[in-house]
Amino acid sequence: MINMVKESTYSGGRVYVCEKCGLKYRERIWAEKCEEFCTKHNACSIEITKHAIK
């Protein structure tokens, strides 16, 4: 799978955005895990999204 996680800014800092659901994370690894889960299951994982900042 080609990683589509996008870098953006939020509240003056760098964040990583899941391209599938739009949730923002401070750490790239969580955005990558979120995007992989969203793509595979067409839904979000509560265990992953608890690390989201928005």
PDB file of N, CA and C in Angstrom:
ATOM      1  N   MET A   1       0.839  -1.176   0.000  1.00  0.00           N
ATOM      2  CA  MET A   1       0.000   0.000   0.000  1.00  0.00           C
ATOM      3  C   MET A   1       0.887   1.243   0.000  1.00  0.00           C
ATOM      4  N   ILE A   2       0.557   2.193  -0.824  1.00  0.00           N
ATOM      5  CA  ILE A   2       1.282   3.461  -0.850  1.00  0.00           C
ATOM      6  C   ILE A   2       0.767   4.316   0.303  1.00  0.00           C
ATOM      7  N   ASN A   3       1.694   4.815   1.085  1.00  0.00           N
ATOM      8  CA  ASN A   3       1.330   5.606   2.242  1.00  0.00           C
ATOM      9  C   ASN A   3       0.908   6.998   1.811  1.00  0.00           C
ATOM     10  N   MET A   4      -0.296   7.401   2.205  1.00  0.00           N
ATOM     11  CA  MET A   4      -0.837   8.686   1.786  1.00  0.00           C
ATOM     12  C   MET A   4      -0.931   9.696   2.927  1.00  0.00           C
ATOM     13  N   VAL A   5      -0.355   9.383   4.083  1.00  0.00           N
ATOM     14  CA  VAL A   5      -0.435  10.286   5.228  1.00  0.00           C
ATOM     15  C   VAL A   5       0.104  11.651   4.816  1.00  0.00           C
ATOM     16  N   LYS A   6      -0.648  12.689   5.177  1.00  0.00           N
ATOM     17  CA  LYS A   6      -0.301  14.050   4.783  1.00  0.00           C
ATOM     18  C   LYS A   6       0.211  14.823   5.996  1.00  0.00           C
ATOM     19  N   GLU A   7       1.252  15.620   5.791  1.00  0.00           N
ATOM     20  CA  GLU A   7       1.729  16.514   6.844  1.00  0.00           C
ATOM     21  C   GLU A   7       0.971  17.823   6.754  1.00  0.00           C
ATOM     22  N   SER A   8       0.651  18.383   7.912  1.00  0.00           N
ATOM     23  CA  SER A   8      -0.082  19.635   7.971  1.00  0.00           C
ATOM     24  C   SER A   8       0.329  20.370   9.239  1.00  0.00           C
ATOM     25  N   THR A   9      -0.236  21.545   9.462  1.00  0.00           N
ATOM     26  CA  THR A   9       0.013  22.257  10.710  1.00  0.00           C
ATOM     27  C   THR A   9      -1.307  22.436  11.440  1.00  0.00           C
ATOM     28  N   TYR A  10      -1.223  22.393  12.760  1.00  0.00           N
ATOM     29  CA  TYR A  10      -2.395  22.547  13.605  1.00  0.00           C
ATOM     30  C   TYR A  10      -1.935  23.159  14.915  1.00  0.00           C
ATOM     31  N   SER A  11      -2.530  24.237  15.315  1.00  0.00           N
ATOM     32  CA  SER A  11      -2.163  24.954  16.546  1.00  0.00           C
ATOM     33  C   SER A  11      -0.664  25.266  16.585  1.00  0.00           C
ATOM     34  N   GLY A  12      -0.128  25.622  15.444  1.00  0.00           N
ATOM     35  CA  GLY A  12       1.269  26.024  15.367  1.00  0.00           C
ATOM     36  C   GLY A  12       2.275  24.891  15.333  1.00  0.00           C
ATOM     37  N   GLY A  13       1.828  23.650  15.284  1.00  0.00           N
ATOM     38  CA  GLY A  13       2.751  22.517  15.248  1.00  0.00           C
ATOM     39  C   GLY A  13       2.482  21.610  14.066  1.00  0.00           C
ATOM     40  N   ARG A  14       3.409  20.723  13.804  1.00  0.00           N
ATOM     41  CA  ARG A  14       3.273  19.769  12.703  1.00  0.00           C
ATOM     42  C   ARG A  14       2.394  18.607  13.149  1.00  0.00           C
ATOM     43  N   VAL A  15       1.474  18.216  12.305  1.00  0.00           N
ATOM     44  CA  VAL A  15       0.622  17.060  12.550  1.00  0.00           C
ATOM     45  C   VAL A  15       0.568  16.206  11.286  1.00  0.00           C
ATOM     46  N   TYR A  16       0.103  14.989  11.475  1.00  0.00           N
ATOM     47  CA  TYR A  16      -0.026  14.047  10.366  1.00  0.00           C
ATOM     48  C   TYR A  16      -1.494  13.662  10.256  1.00  0.00           C
ATOM     49  N   VAL A  17      -2.000  13.666   9.041  1.00  0.00           N
ATOM     50  CA  VAL A  17      -3.428  13.499   8.798  1.00  0.00           C
ATOM     51  C   VAL A  17      -3.692  12.203   8.042  1.00  0.00           C
ATOM     52  N   CYS A  18      -4.628  11.416   8.564  1.00  0.00           N
ATOM     53  CA  CYS A  18      -5.088  10.225   7.853  1.00  0.00           C
ATOM     54  C   CYS A  18      -5.916  10.704   6.666  1.00  0.00           C
ATOM     55  N   GLU A  19      -5.532  10.332   5.467  1.00  0.00           N
ATOM     56  CA  GLU A  19      -6.239  10.778   4.262  1.00  0.00           C
ATOM     57  C   GLU A  19      -7.614  10.134   4.127  1.00  0.00           C
ATOM     58  N   LYS A  20      -7.860   9.034   4.812  1.00  0.00           N
ATOM     59  CA  LYS A  20      -9.149   8.346   4.700  1.00  0.00           C
ATOM     60  C   LYS A  20     -10.226   8.990   5.561  1.00  0.00           C
ATOM     61  N   CYS A  21      -9.898   9.304   6.834  1.00  0.00           N
ATOM     62  CA  CYS A  21     -10.937   9.830   7.732  1.00  0.00           C
ATOM     63  C   CYS A  21     -10.683  11.265   8.182  1.00  0.00           C
ATOM     64  N   GLY A  22      -9.465  11.766   7.957  1.00  0.00           N
ATOM     65  CA  GLY A  22      -9.174  13.150   8.283  1.00  0.00           C
ATOM     66  C   GLY A  22      -8.715  13.417   9.711  1.00  0.00           C
ATOM     67  N   LEU A  23      -8.588  12.380  10.540  1.00  0.00           N
ATOM     68  CA  LEU A  23      -8.111  12.589  11.905  1.00  0.00           C
ATOM     69  C   LEU A  23      -6.649  13.017  11.896  1.00  0.00           C
ATOM     70  N   LYS A  24      -6.297  13.865  12.868  1.00  0.00           N
ATOM     71  CA  LYS A  24      -4.943  14.411  12.969  1.00  0.00           C
ATOM     72  C   LYS A  24      -4.212  13.784  14.151  1.00  0.00           C
ATOM     73  N   TYR A  25      -2.913  13.529  13.951  1.00  0.00           N
ATOM     74  CA  TYR A  25      -2.063  12.913  14.967  1.00  0.00           C
ATOM     75  C   TYR A  25      -0.754  13.682  15.075  1.00  0.00           C
ATOM     76  N   ARG A  26      -0.187  13.724  16.279  1.00  0.00           N
ATOM     77  CA  ARG A  26       1.118  14.362  16.476  1.00  0.00           C
ATOM     78  C   ARG A  26       2.254  13.485  15.959  1.00  0.00           C
ATOM     79  N   GLU A  27       2.036  12.163  15.964  1.00  0.00           N
ATOM     80  CA  GLU A  27       3.069  11.222  15.520  1.00  0.00           C
ATOM     81  C   GLU A  27       2.635  10.534  14.226  1.00  0.00           C
ATOM     82  N   ARG A  28       3.563  10.498  13.276  1.00  0.00           N
ATOM     83  CA  ARG A  28       3.278   9.902  11.963  1.00  0.00           C
ATOM     84  C   ARG A  28       2.818   8.447  12.080  1.00  0.00           C
ATOM     85  N   ILE A  29       3.417   7.696  12.996  1.00  0.00           N
ATOM     86  CA  ILE A  29       3.098   6.271  13.106  1.00  0.00           C
ATOM     87  C   ILE A  29       1.607   6.045  13.359  1.00  0.00           C
ATOM     88  N   TRP A  30       0.982   6.889  14.186  1.00  0.00           N
ATOM     89  CA  TRP A  30      -0.449   6.716  14.471  1.00  0.00           C
ATOM     90  C   TRP A  30      -1.291   7.059  13.246  1.00  0.00           C
ATOM     91  N   ALA A  31      -0.899   8.068  12.506  1.00  0.00           N
ATOM     92  CA  ALA A  31      -1.630   8.409  11.279  1.00  0.00           C
ATOM     93  C   ALA A  31      -1.515   7.280  10.256  1.00  0.00           C
ATOM     94  N   GLU A  32      -0.345   6.678  10.171  1.00  0.00           N
ATOM     95  CA  GLU A  32      -0.152   5.555   9.248  1.00  0.00           C
ATOM     96  C   GLU A  32      -1.001   4.357   9.656  1.00  0.00           C
ATOM     97  N   LYS A  33      -1.015   4.054  10.960  1.00  0.00           N
ATOM     98  CA  LYS A  33      -1.827   2.940  11.458  1.00  0.00           C
ATOM     99  C   LYS A  33      -3.306   3.213  11.220  1.00  0.00           C
ATOM    100  N   CYS A  34      -3.723   4.463  11.449  1.00  0.00           N
ATOM    101  CA  CYS A  34      -5.112   4.844  11.240  1.00  0.00           C
ATOM    102  C   CYS A  34      -5.503   4.649   9.775  1.00  0.00           C
ATOM    103  N   GLU A  35      -4.675   5.157   8.898  1.00  0.00           N
ATOM    104  CA  GLU A  35      -4.982   5.051   7.470  1.00  0.00           C
ATOM    105  C   GLU A  35      -5.032   3.600   7.006  1.00  0.00           C
ATOM    106  N   GLU A  36      -4.118   2.795   7.505  1.00  0.00           N
ATOM    107  CA  GLU A  36      -4.106   1.373   7.139  1.00  0.00           C
ATOM    108  C   GLU A  36      -5.393   0.687   7.621  1.00  0.00           C
ATOM    109  N   PHE A  37      -5.776   0.961   8.868  1.00  0.00           N
ATOM    110  CA  PHE A  37      -6.989   0.358   9.418  1.00  0.00           C
ATOM    111  C   PHE A  37      -8.221   0.844   8.663  1.00  0.00           C
ATOM    112  N   CYS A  38      -8.308   2.154   8.434  1.00  0.00           N
ATOM    113  CA  CYS A  38      -9.459   2.727   7.712  1.00  0.00           C
ATOM    114  C   CYS A  38      -9.599   2.110   6.328  1.00  0.00           C
ATOM    115  N   THR A  39      -8.488   1.942   5.642  1.00  0.00           N
ATOM    116  CA  THR A  39      -8.498   1.386   4.298  1.00  0.00           C
ATOM    117  C   THR A  39      -8.953  -0.067   4.309  1.00  0.00           C
ATOM    118  N   LYS A  40      -8.435  -0.835   5.254  1.00  0.00           N
ATOM    119  CA  LYS A  40      -8.722  -2.267   5.309  1.00  0.00           C
ATOM    120  C   LYS A  40     -10.152  -2.553   5.777  1.00  0.00           C
ATOM    121  N   HIS A  41     -10.643  -1.794   6.779  1.00  0.00           N
ATOM    122  CA  HIS A  41     -11.928  -2.100   7.406  1.00  0.00           C
ATOM    123  C   HIS A  41     -13.039  -1.110   7.076  1.00  0.00           C
ATOM    124  N   ASN A  42     -12.703  -0.042   6.362  1.00  0.00           N
ATOM    125  CA  ASN A  42     -13.670   1.006   6.033  1.00  0.00           C
ATOM    126  C   ASN A  42     -14.349   1.548   7.297  1.00  0.00           C
ATOM    127  N   ALA A  43     -13.543   1.662   8.356  1.00  0.00           N
ATOM    128  CA  ALA A  43     -14.002   2.162   9.660  1.00  0.00           C
ATOM    129  C   ALA A  43     -12.766   2.562  10.459  1.00  0.00           C
ATOM    130  N   CYS A  44     -12.995   3.291  11.560  1.00  0.00           N
ATOM    131  CA  CYS A  44     -11.886   3.693  12.427  1.00  0.00           C
ATOM    132  C   CYS A  44     -11.755   2.752  13.622  1.00  0.00           C
ATOM    133  N   SER A  45     -10.553   2.626  14.133  1.00  0.00           N
ATOM    134  CA  SER A  45     -10.275   1.819  15.310  1.00  0.00           C
ATOM    135  C   SER A  45     -10.260   2.716  16.546  1.00  0.00           C
ATOM    136  N   ILE A  46     -11.018   2.353  17.552  1.00  0.00           N
ATOM    137  CA  ILE A  46     -11.038   3.126  18.799  1.00  0.00           C
ATOM    138  C   ILE A  46      -9.656   3.143  19.433  1.00  0.00           C
ATOM    139  N   GLU A  47      -8.942   2.044  19.373  1.00  0.00           N
ATOM    140  CA  GLU A  47      -7.605   1.967  19.967  1.00  0.00           C
ATOM    141  C   GLU A  47      -6.626   2.919  19.284  1.00  0.00           C
ATOM    142  N   ILE A  48      -6.798   3.152  18.005  1.00  0.00           N
ATOM    143  CA  ILE A  48      -5.917   4.068  17.273  1.00  0.00           C
ATOM    144  C   ILE A  48      -6.400   5.508  17.443  1.00  0.00           C
ATOM    145  N   THR A  49      -7.690   5.733  17.312  1.00  0.00           N
ATOM    146  CA  THR A  49      -8.205   7.106  17.340  1.00  0.00           C
ATOM    147  C   THR A  49      -8.072   7.767  18.697  1.00  0.00           C
ATOM    148  N   LYS A  50      -7.856   7.010  19.757  1.00  0.00           N
ATOM    149  CA  LYS A  50      -7.661   7.650  21.061  1.00  0.00           C
ATOM    150  C   LYS A  50      -6.368   8.459  21.103  1.00  0.00           C
ATOM    151  N   HIS A  51      -5.496   8.274  20.106  1.00  0.00           N
ATOM    152  CA  HIS A  51      -4.245   9.032  20.001  1.00  0.00           C
ATOM    153  C   HIS A  51      -4.408  10.274  19.122  1.00  0.00           C
ATOM    154  N   ALA A  52      -5.584  10.441  18.528  1.00  0.00           N
ATOM    155  CA  ALA A  52      -5.834  11.581  17.649  1.00  0.00           C
ATOM    156  C   ALA A  52      -5.947  12.870  18.459  1.00  0.00           C
ATOM    157  N   ILE A  53      -5.571  13.991  17.839  1.00  0.00           N
ATOM    158  CA  ILE A  53      -5.688  15.284  18.509  1.00  0.00           C
ATOM    159  C   ILE A  53      -6.908  16.036  18.008  1.00  0.00           C
ATOM    160  N   LYS A  54      -7.437  15.668  16.870  1.00  0.00           N
ATOM    161  CA  LYS A  54      -8.657  16.281  16.342  1.00  0.00           C
ATOM    162  C   LYS A  54      -9.260  15.383  15.310  1.00  0.00           C
TER     163      LYS A  54
END
